[in-house]
Amino acid sequence: MARRPCGLTPGFTILELLFVLAIAGTLTAIAVPQSLRALDDFRARSAARYLAQRLGDARLGAIKQSLAHGLRFEAGTPDYRITSVMDGNANGLRTADIQSGVDRTVTPPEVLATHFQDVVFGILEGVPDADAQPANGSDGVRVGISRLLTMNPDGTSTSGTLYLHGRTRAQYAVRVLGVTGRVRILKFDHTRRRWVDQ
């Protein structure tokens, strides 16, 4: 049995310590980008759910009050401003009526990035639209020229798709089907190159 010299305690050599630090550095280099991508996807998915919820609230409000409700999208810098609006004269939502105050705004304008950091409206380069057609531009608000998504008292709505993405590759779409007023959330699967329901 070998004896240790007096006064020496067991410990790590500098080589062992460097080896452990190298392993920790490698694991960190792998984990951090994965965590950032997961966080980015979480924010984009949360923003899509938030928009879907607001549209659901507008649909419910339209049915309960027998007046059109909806969301207005105003182009701004750096992104669209979203406002909840309500019909004031029972003739549907109209931009002119909103500007004159006849159709009233229910919420102040807000930008997605206020609640969901780095999430903006748009389509990432190389991503087709939800109908599997080339995107034809990066504009993410595709609800007609008026930029109003209207929910009607009879349960129908205007059709449209809202595309939003995070900082990296997280791409989502919120689709509204006009005949039923149904709201769907889709995510673009980069591996399979197609949109999938969420």
Protein backbone atom coordinates (compact mmCIF):
# COMPACT_ATOMS: atom_id res chain seq x y z
CA MET A 1 0.00 0.00 0.00
CA ALA A 2 1.44 3.31 -1.10
CA ARG A 3 1.47 6.19 1.29
CA ARG A 4 0.91 9.84 0.47
CA PRO A 5 3.57 12.26 1.55
CA CYS A 6 2.52 14.18 4.64
CA GLY A 7 0.68 17.47 4.11
CA LEU A 8 -0.61 16.76 0.56
CA THR A 9 -4.34 16.50 -0.06
CA PRO A 10 -5.92 14.81 -3.06
CA GLY A 11 -7.04 17.22 -5.84
CA PHE A 12 -7.22 17.76 -9.55
CA THR A 13 -4.28 18.24 -11.84
CA ILE A 14 -4.33 21.16 -14.23
CA LEU A 15 -4.77 18.72 -17.12
CA GLU A 16 -7.89 17.20 -15.55
CA LEU A 17 -9.30 20.65 -14.89
CA LEU A 18 -8.69 21.73 -18.51
CA PHE A 19 -10.35 18.55 -19.75
CA VAL A 20 -13.49 19.23 -17.67
CA LEU A 21 -13.60 22.86 -18.87
CA ALA A 22 -13.33 21.72 -22.51
CA ILE A 23 -16.26 19.33 -22.09
CA ALA A 24 -18.35 22.04 -20.37
CA GLY A 25 -17.51 24.51 -23.15
CA THR A 26 -18.53 22.02 -25.85
CA LEU A 27 -21.84 21.24 -24.15
CA THR A 28 -22.55 24.95 -23.75
CA ALA A 29 -21.75 25.60 -27.42
CA ILE A 30 -24.30 22.95 -28.37
CA ALA A 31 -27.00 23.86 -25.83
CA VAL A 32 -27.12 27.66 -26.17
CA PRO A 33 -28.14 27.84 -29.88
CA GLN A 34 -30.75 25.10 -29.31
CA SER A 35 -32.15 27.01 -26.35
CA LEU A 36 -32.28 30.27 -28.33
CA ARG A 37 -34.12 28.55 -31.20
CA ALA A 38 -36.59 27.00 -28.76
CA LEU A 39 -37.19 30.38 -27.10
CA ASP A 40 -37.68 32.04 -30.49
CA ASP A 41 -40.18 29.35 -31.51
CA PHE A 42 -42.00 29.71 -28.17
CA ARG A 43 -42.38 33.47 -28.65
CA ALA A 44 -43.62 33.15 -32.25
CA ARG A 45 -46.09 30.39 -31.28
CA SER A 46 -47.33 32.48 -28.35
CA ALA A 47 -47.84 35.49 -30.64
CA ALA A 48 -49.84 33.33 -33.08
CA ARG A 49 -52.03 32.08 -30.22
CA TYR A 50 -52.47 35.63 -28.97
CA LEU A 51 -53.73 36.77 -32.40
CA ALA A 52 -56.02 33.75 -32.66
CA GLN A 53 -57.43 34.55 -29.22
CA ARG A 54 -58.07 38.17 -30.15
CA LEU A 55 -59.87 37.06 -33.29
CA GLY A 56 -61.91 34.58 -31.24
CA ASP A 57 -62.84 37.37 -28.83
CA ALA A 58 -63.88 39.57 -31.76
CA ARG A 59 -66.06 36.77 -33.16
CA LEU A 60 -67.72 36.19 -29.80
CA GLY A 61 -68.29 39.93 -29.34
CA ALA A 62 -69.83 40.22 -32.80
CA ILE A 63 -72.27 37.39 -32.12
CA LYS A 64 -73.19 38.60 -28.61
CA GLN A 65 -73.72 42.25 -29.56
CA SER A 66 -75.01 41.71 -33.12
CA LEU A 67 -72.41 44.18 -34.39
CA ALA A 68 -69.29 43.50 -36.43
CA HIS A 69 -66.04 43.36 -34.46
CA GLY A 70 -62.55 42.90 -35.78
CA LEU A 71 -58.88 43.76 -35.90
CA ARG A 72 -57.39 46.65 -37.84
CA PHE A 73 -53.78 46.46 -39.03
CA GLU A 74 -52.04 49.77 -39.66
CA ALA A 75 -48.66 49.77 -41.37
CA GLY A 76 -46.07 51.40 -39.17
CA THR A 77 -42.38 51.40 -38.41
CA PRO A 78 -41.04 48.84 -37.73
CA ASP A 79 -44.19 46.69 -37.84
CA TYR A 80 -47.99 46.76 -38.08
CA ARG A 81 -50.01 48.24 -35.24
CA ILE A 82 -53.04 46.15 -34.19
CA THR A 83 -56.27 47.69 -32.91
CA SER A 84 -59.52 46.01 -31.90
CA VAL A 85 -62.48 47.80 -33.49
CA MET A 86 -66.28 47.60 -33.27
CA ASP A 87 -69.01 48.65 -35.70
CA GLY A 88 -70.83 51.77 -34.54
CA ASN A 89 -73.62 52.13 -37.09
CA ALA A 90 -74.57 48.53 -38.02
CA ASN A 91 -73.17 48.74 -41.57
CA GLY A 92 -70.02 46.68 -40.98
CA LEU A 93 -66.48 47.82 -40.31
CA ARG A 94 -65.18 50.49 -42.67
CA THR A 95 -61.89 52.36 -42.64
CA ALA A 96 -63.64 55.70 -43.23
CA ASP A 97 -65.97 55.05 -40.28
CA ILE A 98 -63.03 54.14 -38.04
CA GLN A 99 -61.17 57.32 -39.03
CA SER A 100 -64.25 59.47 -38.40
CA GLY A 101 -64.95 57.77 -35.05
CA VAL A 102 -68.27 56.18 -36.06
CA ASP A 103 -66.76 52.69 -35.78
CA ARG A 104 -64.95 52.87 -32.48
CA THR A 105 -61.63 51.46 -31.40
CA VAL A 106 -61.88 49.12 -28.42
CA THR A 107 -58.15 48.86 -27.63
CA PRO A 108 -55.22 51.20 -28.22
CA PRO A 109 -52.85 50.32 -31.09
CA GLU A 110 -50.11 47.87 -30.16
CA VAL A 111 -47.21 46.12 -31.86
CA LEU A 112 -46.58 42.36 -31.49
CA ALA A 113 -43.03 42.94 -30.28
CA THR A 114 -44.43 44.76 -27.24
CA HIS A 115 -45.55 41.40 -25.85
CA PHE A 116 -43.40 38.99 -27.87
CA GLN A 117 -39.80 40.10 -28.30
CA ASP A 118 -38.40 39.84 -31.86
CA VAL A 119 -41.73 38.62 -33.33
CA VAL A 120 -42.93 40.56 -36.40
CA PHE A 121 -45.39 40.14 -39.24
CA GLY A 122 -43.82 38.73 -42.38
CA ILE A 123 -42.81 35.67 -44.35
CA LEU A 124 -39.24 34.41 -44.16
CA GLU A 125 -37.33 34.10 -47.40
CA GLY A 126 -37.87 30.77 -49.12
CA VAL A 127 -41.09 29.96 -47.24
CA PRO A 128 -44.17 29.47 -49.47
CA ASP A 129 -47.52 30.87 -48.42
CA ALA A 130 -50.05 28.64 -46.66
CA ASP A 131 -51.58 27.67 -50.03
CA ALA A 132 -48.18 26.24 -51.11
CA GLN A 133 -47.66 29.08 -53.60
CA PRO A 134 -44.54 31.26 -53.77
CA ALA A 135 -44.84 33.92 -51.08
CA ASN A 136 -44.94 36.82 -53.57
CA GLY A 137 -43.39 39.28 -51.13
CA SER A 138 -42.63 39.33 -47.44
CA ASP A 139 -45.73 41.24 -46.24
CA GLY A 140 -47.28 39.23 -43.43
CA VAL A 141 -50.72 40.84 -43.27
CA ARG A 142 -52.84 39.43 -46.09
CA VAL A 143 -56.39 40.44 -45.31
CA GLY A 144 -57.25 42.66 -48.28
CA ILE A 145 -56.53 46.27 -49.12
CA SER A 146 -58.45 47.67 -46.15
CA ARG A 147 -56.28 45.73 -43.66
CA LEU A 148 -59.40 44.89 -41.63
CA LEU A 149 -60.21 41.40 -40.42
CA THR A 150 -63.93 41.54 -39.67
CA MET A 151 -65.99 39.08 -37.65
CA ASN A 152 -69.70 39.34 -38.46
CA PRO A 153 -72.72 38.72 -36.18
CA ASP A 154 -73.79 35.70 -38.28
CA GLY A 155 -70.50 33.91 -37.51
CA THR A 156 -68.86 34.59 -40.88
CA SER A 157 -65.80 36.76 -41.38
CA THR A 158 -63.49 38.19 -43.96
CA SER A 159 -60.90 35.66 -45.10
CA GLY A 160 -57.23 36.26 -44.61
CA THR A 161 -53.90 35.02 -43.33
CA LEU A 162 -51.54 36.67 -40.88
CA TYR A 163 -47.93 35.49 -41.18
CA LEU A 164 -45.51 36.10 -38.36
CA HIS A 165 -42.02 34.96 -37.52
CA GLY A 166 -39.37 35.21 -34.87
CA ARG A 167 -35.73 36.17 -35.13
CA THR A 168 -34.59 32.85 -36.59
CA ARG A 169 -36.61 30.21 -38.45
CA ALA A 170 -39.87 30.12 -36.47
CA GLN A 171 -42.62 30.84 -39.02
CA TYR A 172 -46.32 30.76 -38.12
CA ALA A 173 -49.57 31.69 -39.83
CA VAL A 174 -53.00 32.54 -38.42
CA ARG A 175 -55.69 31.79 -41.00
CA VAL A 176 -59.28 32.93 -40.92
CA LEU A 177 -61.81 31.07 -43.07
CA GLY A 178 -64.53 33.46 -44.20
CA VAL A 179 -67.54 31.16 -44.47
CA THR A 180 -67.24 29.77 -40.95
CA GLY A 181 -65.11 32.40 -39.20
CA ARG A 182 -62.88 29.55 -38.05
CA VAL A 183 -59.35 30.51 -36.95
CA ARG A 184 -56.47 28.09 -37.49
CA ILE A 185 -52.82 28.29 -36.48
CA LEU A 186 -50.23 26.80 -38.83
CA LYS A 187 -46.49 26.34 -38.46
CA PHE A 188 -44.06 25.95 -41.33
CA ASP A 189 -42.03 22.74 -40.98
CA HIS A 190 -38.66 23.53 -42.56
CA THR A 191 -37.67 19.85 -42.65
CA ARG A 192 -40.74 18.65 -44.57
CA ARG A 193 -41.14 22.01 -46.39
CA ARG A 194 -44.85 22.31 -45.63
CA TRP A 195 -47.36 23.97 -43.30
CA VAL A 196 -48.77 21.88 -40.46
CA ASP A 197 -51.69 22.51 -38.08
CA GLN A 198 -50.85 23.50 -34.52
